[in-house]
Each structure stands twice: as C-alpha cells, then as structure tokens.
C-alpha cells in the first residue's frame, strides 16, 4: 500500500469514527508504515494486525481497541498513546517509548 493510499484510509477512518458519511473502518493489516508520522491520529477500532510501525511517531495517538497483534513497534514513539483495550498480542516492542501510555485492558500476551 502506498503512502497516499494509507492517507486515504486514515481519512476515511476519521469519518467512520465520527459516524460521518463516506467513513470506513481502517484495515491496514500487514501494511509497512515504518517511520510514519502519525502524531495524534485517531485509529480507534482499526485493524493493524501485523503492521510495520518500526520507528513510527505515534505520540498522543488514540489506539483504543486497535488490533496490533504481531505488529512491529520496535523503536516507535508511543508516548501518551491511548491503548485502552488494544490487542498487542505478540507485538514486537523492543526500544519502543511507552512513557505515559494508557494500557488498561490491553492484551500484552507475548509482547
């Protein structure tokens, strides 16, 4: 998936979160978003299973209920990220910055 296509998916997801016409839940399963700047993005409920977010900047992002099973988050900045109820089963978190991240209800099995 190209960066432009990824941006379109994120735009439609923002509409979906707000229950607005044209919205569509994001499915970025397996997409390479290495080093992406996603500061403050709202991906609530999105499917990010197996996504590559190595070195990505996600500070202040809303990842409530997101499926990040098997995702690569090595070296990612997850400072102050809202991960309530997120599925991080088997996610790779080496070197990730989780300072101030909200992890209540998150599944960290094998992460």
N, C-alpha and C. Protein backbone atom coordinates (compact mmCIF):
# COMPACT_ATOMS: atom_id res chain seq x y z
N UNK A 1 0.85 -1.19 0.00
CA UNK A 1 0.00 0.00 0.00
C UNK A 1 0.89 1.24 0.00
N UNK A 2 0.58 2.17 -0.87
CA UNK A 2 1.36 3.41 -0.96
C UNK A 2 1.01 4.35 0.19
N UNK A 3 1.87 5.32 0.42
CA UNK A 3 1.61 6.33 1.46
C UNK A 3 0.32 7.09 1.16
N UNK A 4 0.11 7.43 -0.11
CA UNK A 4 -1.12 8.15 -0.50
C UNK A 4 -2.36 7.33 -0.17
N UNK A 5 -2.32 6.04 -0.47
CA UNK A 5 -3.44 5.14 -0.18
C UNK A 5 -3.64 5.04 1.34
N UNK A 6 -2.54 4.96 2.09
CA UNK A 6 -2.62 4.91 3.54
C UNK A 6 -3.29 6.17 4.08
N UNK A 7 -2.94 7.31 3.53
CA UNK A 7 -3.54 8.58 3.97
C UNK A 7 -5.04 8.58 3.69
N UNK A 8 -5.44 8.02 2.56
CA UNK A 8 -6.87 7.94 2.22
C UNK A 8 -7.61 7.03 3.20
N UNK A 9 -6.98 5.91 3.56
CA UNK A 9 -7.58 5.00 4.54
C UNK A 9 -7.75 5.72 5.88
N UNK A 10 -6.75 6.49 6.29
CA UNK A 10 -6.81 7.23 7.55
C UNK A 10 -7.89 8.31 7.51
N UNK A 11 -8.03 8.96 6.36
CA UNK A 11 -9.06 10.00 6.20
C UNK A 11 -10.46 9.38 6.34
N UNK A 12 -10.68 8.26 5.67
CA UNK A 12 -11.98 7.58 5.75
C UNK A 12 -12.25 7.04 7.15
N UNK A 13 -11.19 6.60 7.82
CA UNK A 13 -11.36 6.10 9.18
C UNK A 13 -11.80 7.23 10.11
N UNK A 14 -11.22 8.39 9.94
CA UNK A 14 -11.61 9.55 10.76
C UNK A 14 -13.10 9.84 10.60
N UNK A 15 -13.60 9.71 9.39
CA UNK A 15 -15.04 9.89 9.14
C UNK A 15 -15.84 8.78 9.83
N UNK A 16 -15.34 7.55 9.76
CA UNK A 16 -16.01 6.41 10.38
C UNK A 16 -16.12 6.60 11.89
N UNK A 17 -15.03 7.05 12.53
CA UNK A 17 -15.02 7.27 13.97
C UNK A 17 -16.09 8.30 14.37
N UNK A 18 -16.28 9.29 13.52
CA UNK A 18 -17.26 10.35 13.80
C UNK A 18 -18.66 10.03 13.27
N UNK A 19 -18.84 8.81 12.72
CA UNK A 19 -20.13 8.40 12.16
C UNK A 19 -20.60 9.31 11.03
N UNK A 20 -19.66 9.76 10.22
CA UNK A 20 -19.99 10.66 9.12
C UNK A 20 -20.05 9.89 7.80
N UNK A 21 -20.81 10.40 6.83
CA UNK A 21 -20.92 9.74 5.52
C UNK A 21 -19.55 9.56 4.86
N UNK A 22 -19.38 8.44 4.19
CA UNK A 22 -18.13 8.15 3.49
C UNK A 22 -17.08 7.52 4.37
N UNK A 23 -17.42 7.33 5.64
CA UNK A 23 -16.46 6.74 6.57
C UNK A 23 -16.33 5.24 6.38
N UNK A 24 -15.16 4.74 6.70
CA UNK A 24 -14.88 3.31 6.58
C UNK A 24 -13.83 2.93 7.60
N UNK A 25 -14.09 1.87 8.35
CA UNK A 25 -13.14 1.40 9.35
C UNK A 25 -11.82 1.03 8.68
N UNK A 26 -10.70 1.49 9.25
CA UNK A 26 -9.38 1.25 8.65
C UNK A 26 -8.95 -0.20 8.80
N UNK A 27 -8.47 -0.76 7.69
CA UNK A 27 -7.86 -2.07 7.69
C UNK A 27 -6.48 -1.92 7.06
N UNK A 28 -5.48 -1.81 7.92
CA UNK A 28 -4.11 -1.64 7.45
C UNK A 28 -3.28 -2.89 7.76
N UNK A 29 -3.94 -4.03 7.78
CA UNK A 29 -3.30 -5.31 8.09
C UNK A 29 -2.06 -5.52 7.21
N UNK A 30 -0.90 -5.70 7.91
CA UNK A 30 0.34 -6.02 7.21
C UNK A 30 0.99 -4.88 6.45
N UNK A 31 0.47 -3.68 6.55
CA UNK A 31 1.00 -2.54 5.80
C UNK A 31 2.32 -2.06 6.41
N UNK A 32 3.23 -1.58 5.57
CA UNK A 32 4.50 -1.04 6.03
C UNK A 32 4.37 0.46 6.25
N UNK A 33 4.34 0.86 7.52
CA UNK A 33 4.27 2.28 7.89
C UNK A 33 5.53 2.66 8.68
N UNK A 34 6.63 2.02 8.34
CA UNK A 34 7.89 2.27 9.04
C UNK A 34 8.23 3.76 8.99
N UNK A 35 8.51 4.32 10.18
CA UNK A 35 8.92 5.71 10.30
C UNK A 35 7.81 6.73 10.06
N UNK A 36 6.58 6.30 9.94
CA UNK A 36 5.47 7.22 9.64
C UNK A 36 5.22 8.18 10.81
N UNK A 37 4.82 9.41 10.48
CA UNK A 37 4.44 10.39 11.49
C UNK A 37 2.93 10.33 11.64
N UNK A 38 2.48 9.72 12.72
CA UNK A 38 1.05 9.55 12.99
C UNK A 38 0.69 10.23 14.31
N UNK A 39 1.36 11.32 14.61
CA UNK A 39 1.13 12.04 15.87
C UNK A 39 -0.35 12.42 15.99
N UNK A 40 -0.96 12.00 17.10
CA UNK A 40 -2.32 12.39 17.41
C UNK A 40 -3.40 11.74 16.56
N UNK A 41 -3.06 10.80 15.71
CA UNK A 41 -4.05 10.17 14.83
C UNK A 41 -5.05 9.36 15.67
N UNK A 42 -6.29 9.32 15.21
CA UNK A 42 -7.31 8.53 15.87
C UNK A 42 -7.58 7.28 15.04
N UNK A 43 -7.08 6.15 15.52
CA UNK A 43 -7.28 4.88 14.82
C UNK A 43 -8.14 3.93 15.64
N UNK A 44 -8.97 4.48 16.49
CA UNK A 44 -9.83 3.70 17.36
C UNK A 44 -10.52 2.58 16.57
N UNK A 45 -10.34 1.34 17.06
CA UNK A 45 -11.01 0.19 16.48
C UNK A 45 -10.44 -0.33 15.17
N UNK A 46 -9.35 0.24 14.69
CA UNK A 46 -8.78 -0.16 13.40
C UNK A 46 -8.09 -1.52 13.48
N UNK A 47 -7.93 -2.16 12.32
CA UNK A 47 -7.19 -3.42 12.22
C UNK A 47 -5.78 -3.12 11.73
N UNK A 48 -4.81 -3.27 12.63
CA UNK A 48 -3.40 -3.05 12.29
C UNK A 48 -2.60 -4.33 12.53
N UNK A 49 -3.26 -5.46 12.40
CA UNK A 49 -2.60 -6.75 12.63
C UNK A 49 -1.40 -6.88 11.71
N UNK A 50 -0.23 -7.16 12.32
CA UNK A 50 0.99 -7.40 11.54
C UNK A 50 1.56 -6.17 10.86
N UNK A 51 1.07 -4.99 11.18
CA UNK A 51 1.58 -3.77 10.55
C UNK A 51 3.01 -3.49 11.01
N UNK A 52 3.80 -2.88 10.13
CA UNK A 52 5.16 -2.48 10.49
C UNK A 52 5.16 -1.00 10.84
N UNK A 53 5.29 -0.71 12.13
CA UNK A 53 5.35 0.68 12.61
C UNK A 53 6.71 0.95 13.26
N UNK A 54 7.72 0.24 12.79
CA UNK A 54 9.06 0.42 13.35
C UNK A 54 9.49 1.88 13.21
N UNK A 55 9.89 2.47 14.35
CA UNK A 55 10.36 3.85 14.36
C UNK A 55 9.29 4.89 14.09
N UNK A 56 8.03 4.50 14.08
CA UNK A 56 6.93 5.44 13.80
C UNK A 56 6.72 6.38 14.99
N UNK A 57 6.18 7.55 14.70
CA UNK A 57 5.90 8.57 15.72
C UNK A 57 4.39 8.62 15.93
N UNK A 58 3.96 8.10 17.08
CA UNK A 58 2.52 7.99 17.37
C UNK A 58 2.12 8.76 18.63
N UNK A 59 2.97 9.65 19.09
CA UNK A 59 2.68 10.38 20.33
C UNK A 59 1.27 10.96 20.29
N UNK A 60 0.53 10.76 21.41
CA UNK A 60 -0.83 11.26 21.61
C UNK A 60 -1.87 10.57 20.72
N UNK A 61 -1.52 9.50 20.03
CA UNK A 61 -2.49 8.81 19.17
C UNK A 61 -3.54 8.07 20.01
N UNK A 62 -4.72 7.90 19.44
CA UNK A 62 -5.79 7.12 20.06
C UNK A 62 -5.85 5.77 19.36
N UNK A 63 -5.39 4.75 20.07
CA UNK A 63 -5.41 3.39 19.52
C UNK A 63 -6.32 2.49 20.36
N UNK A 64 -7.40 3.06 20.85
CA UNK A 64 -8.34 2.31 21.67
C UNK A 64 -8.94 1.16 20.87
N UNK A 65 -8.83 -0.06 21.44
CA UNK A 65 -9.44 -1.22 20.82
C UNK A 65 -8.81 -1.65 19.50
N UNK A 66 -7.65 -1.13 19.18
CA UNK A 66 -6.98 -1.45 17.92
C UNK A 66 -6.37 -2.85 17.99
N UNK A 67 -6.43 -3.57 16.87
CA UNK A 67 -5.79 -4.88 16.77
C UNK A 67 -4.38 -4.69 16.25
N UNK A 68 -3.40 -4.82 17.15
CA UNK A 68 -1.99 -4.70 16.78
C UNK A 68 -1.27 -6.04 16.96
N UNK A 69 -2.03 -7.12 16.86
CA UNK A 69 -1.44 -8.45 17.04
C UNK A 69 -0.29 -8.65 16.05
N UNK A 70 0.87 -9.02 16.59
CA UNK A 70 2.03 -9.31 15.75
C UNK A 70 2.64 -8.10 15.08
N UNK A 71 2.24 -6.91 15.48
CA UNK A 71 2.78 -5.69 14.86
C UNK A 71 4.23 -5.45 15.30
N UNK A 72 4.98 -4.80 14.41
CA UNK A 72 6.36 -4.41 14.73
C UNK A 72 6.34 -2.95 15.18
N UNK A 73 6.55 -2.74 16.48
CA UNK A 73 6.57 -1.39 17.05
C UNK A 73 7.95 -1.06 17.60
N UNK A 74 8.98 -1.74 17.11
CA UNK A 74 10.34 -1.52 17.58
C UNK A 74 10.74 -0.06 17.38
N UNK A 75 11.21 0.56 18.46
CA UNK A 75 11.69 1.93 18.37
C UNK A 75 10.61 2.96 18.12
N UNK A 76 9.35 2.56 18.17
CA UNK A 76 8.26 3.52 17.92
C UNK A 76 8.06 4.42 19.13
N UNK A 77 7.65 5.65 18.87
CA UNK A 77 7.33 6.57 19.96
C UNK A 77 5.84 6.44 20.24
N UNK A 78 5.52 5.78 21.36
CA UNK A 78 4.14 5.56 21.78
C UNK A 78 3.85 6.36 23.05
N UNK A 79 4.58 7.45 23.21
CA UNK A 79 4.41 8.29 24.39
C UNK A 79 3.00 8.87 24.44
N UNK A 80 2.35 8.67 25.60
CA UNK A 80 1.00 9.19 25.85
C UNK A 80 -0.06 8.60 24.90
N UNK A 81 0.24 7.46 24.29
CA UNK A 81 -0.73 6.81 23.39
C UNK A 81 -1.81 6.13 24.22
N UNK A 82 -3.03 6.25 23.77
CA UNK A 82 -4.19 5.65 24.44
C UNK A 82 -4.43 4.28 23.82
N UNK A 83 -4.07 3.23 24.58
CA UNK A 83 -4.17 1.85 24.09
C UNK A 83 -5.20 1.04 24.87
N UNK A 84 -6.22 1.69 25.40
CA UNK A 84 -7.24 1.01 26.18
C UNK A 84 -7.87 -0.12 25.36
N UNK A 85 -7.80 -1.34 25.90
CA UNK A 85 -8.41 -2.48 25.24
C UNK A 85 -7.76 -2.92 23.94
N UNK A 86 -6.59 -2.41 23.64
CA UNK A 86 -5.90 -2.78 22.40
C UNK A 86 -5.35 -4.20 22.48
N UNK A 87 -5.25 -4.86 21.34
CA UNK A 87 -4.68 -6.20 21.27
C UNK A 87 -3.25 -6.10 20.77
N UNK A 88 -2.29 -6.27 21.69
CA UNK A 88 -0.87 -6.21 21.35
C UNK A 88 -0.23 -7.60 21.45
N UNK A 89 -1.06 -8.62 21.36
CA UNK A 89 -0.56 -9.99 21.48
C UNK A 89 0.55 -10.25 20.46
N UNK A 90 1.72 -10.64 20.99
CA UNK A 90 2.84 -10.97 20.11
C UNK A 90 3.47 -9.77 19.41
N UNK A 91 3.11 -8.57 19.81
CA UNK A 91 3.70 -7.38 19.19
C UNK A 91 5.17 -7.25 19.61
N UNK A 92 5.98 -6.71 18.72
CA UNK A 92 7.40 -6.51 18.98
C UNK A 92 7.60 -5.08 19.44
N UNK A 93 7.99 -4.91 20.71
CA UNK A 93 8.06 -3.59 21.33
C UNK A 93 9.47 -3.16 21.73
N UNK A 94 10.49 -3.88 21.29
CA UNK A 94 11.85 -3.54 21.71
C UNK A 94 12.20 -2.09 21.36
N UNK A 95 12.63 -1.35 22.38
CA UNK A 95 13.05 0.04 22.17
C UNK A 95 11.90 1.02 22.00
N UNK A 96 10.66 0.55 22.12
CA UNK A 96 9.51 1.45 21.98
C UNK A 96 9.39 2.33 23.22
N UNK A 97 9.02 3.58 23.03
CA UNK A 97 8.81 4.51 24.13
C UNK A 97 7.34 4.47 24.52
N UNK A 98 7.06 3.89 25.70
CA UNK A 98 5.69 3.76 26.19
C UNK A 98 5.44 4.69 27.38
N UNK A 99 6.28 5.71 27.52
CA UNK A 99 6.15 6.63 28.64
C UNK A 99 4.76 7.27 28.64
N UNK A 100 4.04 7.09 29.75
CA UNK A 100 2.72 7.70 29.90
C UNK A 100 1.63 7.06 29.06
N UNK A 101 1.92 5.93 28.41
CA UNK A 101 0.91 5.25 27.59
C UNK A 101 -0.16 4.66 28.51
N UNK A 102 -1.41 4.70 28.07
CA UNK A 102 -2.53 4.16 28.83
C UNK A 102 -2.80 2.75 28.31
N UNK A 103 -2.50 1.75 29.15
CA UNK A 103 -2.57 0.36 28.72
C UNK A 103 -3.66 -0.45 29.41
N UNK A 104 -4.56 0.19 30.12
CA UNK A 104 -5.60 -0.54 30.84
C UNK A 104 -6.41 -1.40 29.86
N UNK A 105 -6.55 -2.67 30.22
CA UNK A 105 -7.35 -3.59 29.40
C UNK A 105 -6.64 -4.06 28.14
N UNK A 106 -5.40 -3.62 27.92
CA UNK A 106 -4.66 -4.04 26.72
C UNK A 106 -4.16 -5.47 26.88
N UNK A 107 -4.15 -6.24 25.80
CA UNK A 107 -3.63 -7.59 25.79
C UNK A 107 -2.17 -7.53 25.37
N UNK A 108 -1.27 -7.80 26.33
CA UNK A 108 0.16 -7.75 26.06
C UNK A 108 0.79 -9.15 26.06
N UNK A 109 -0.04 -10.17 25.92
CA UNK A 109 0.45 -11.55 25.93
C UNK A 109 1.51 -11.75 24.86
N UNK A 110 2.69 -12.18 25.30
CA UNK A 110 3.77 -12.49 24.36
C UNK A 110 4.40 -11.27 23.70
N UNK A 111 4.05 -10.10 24.15
CA UNK A 111 4.63 -8.88 23.55
C UNK A 111 6.01 -8.63 24.11
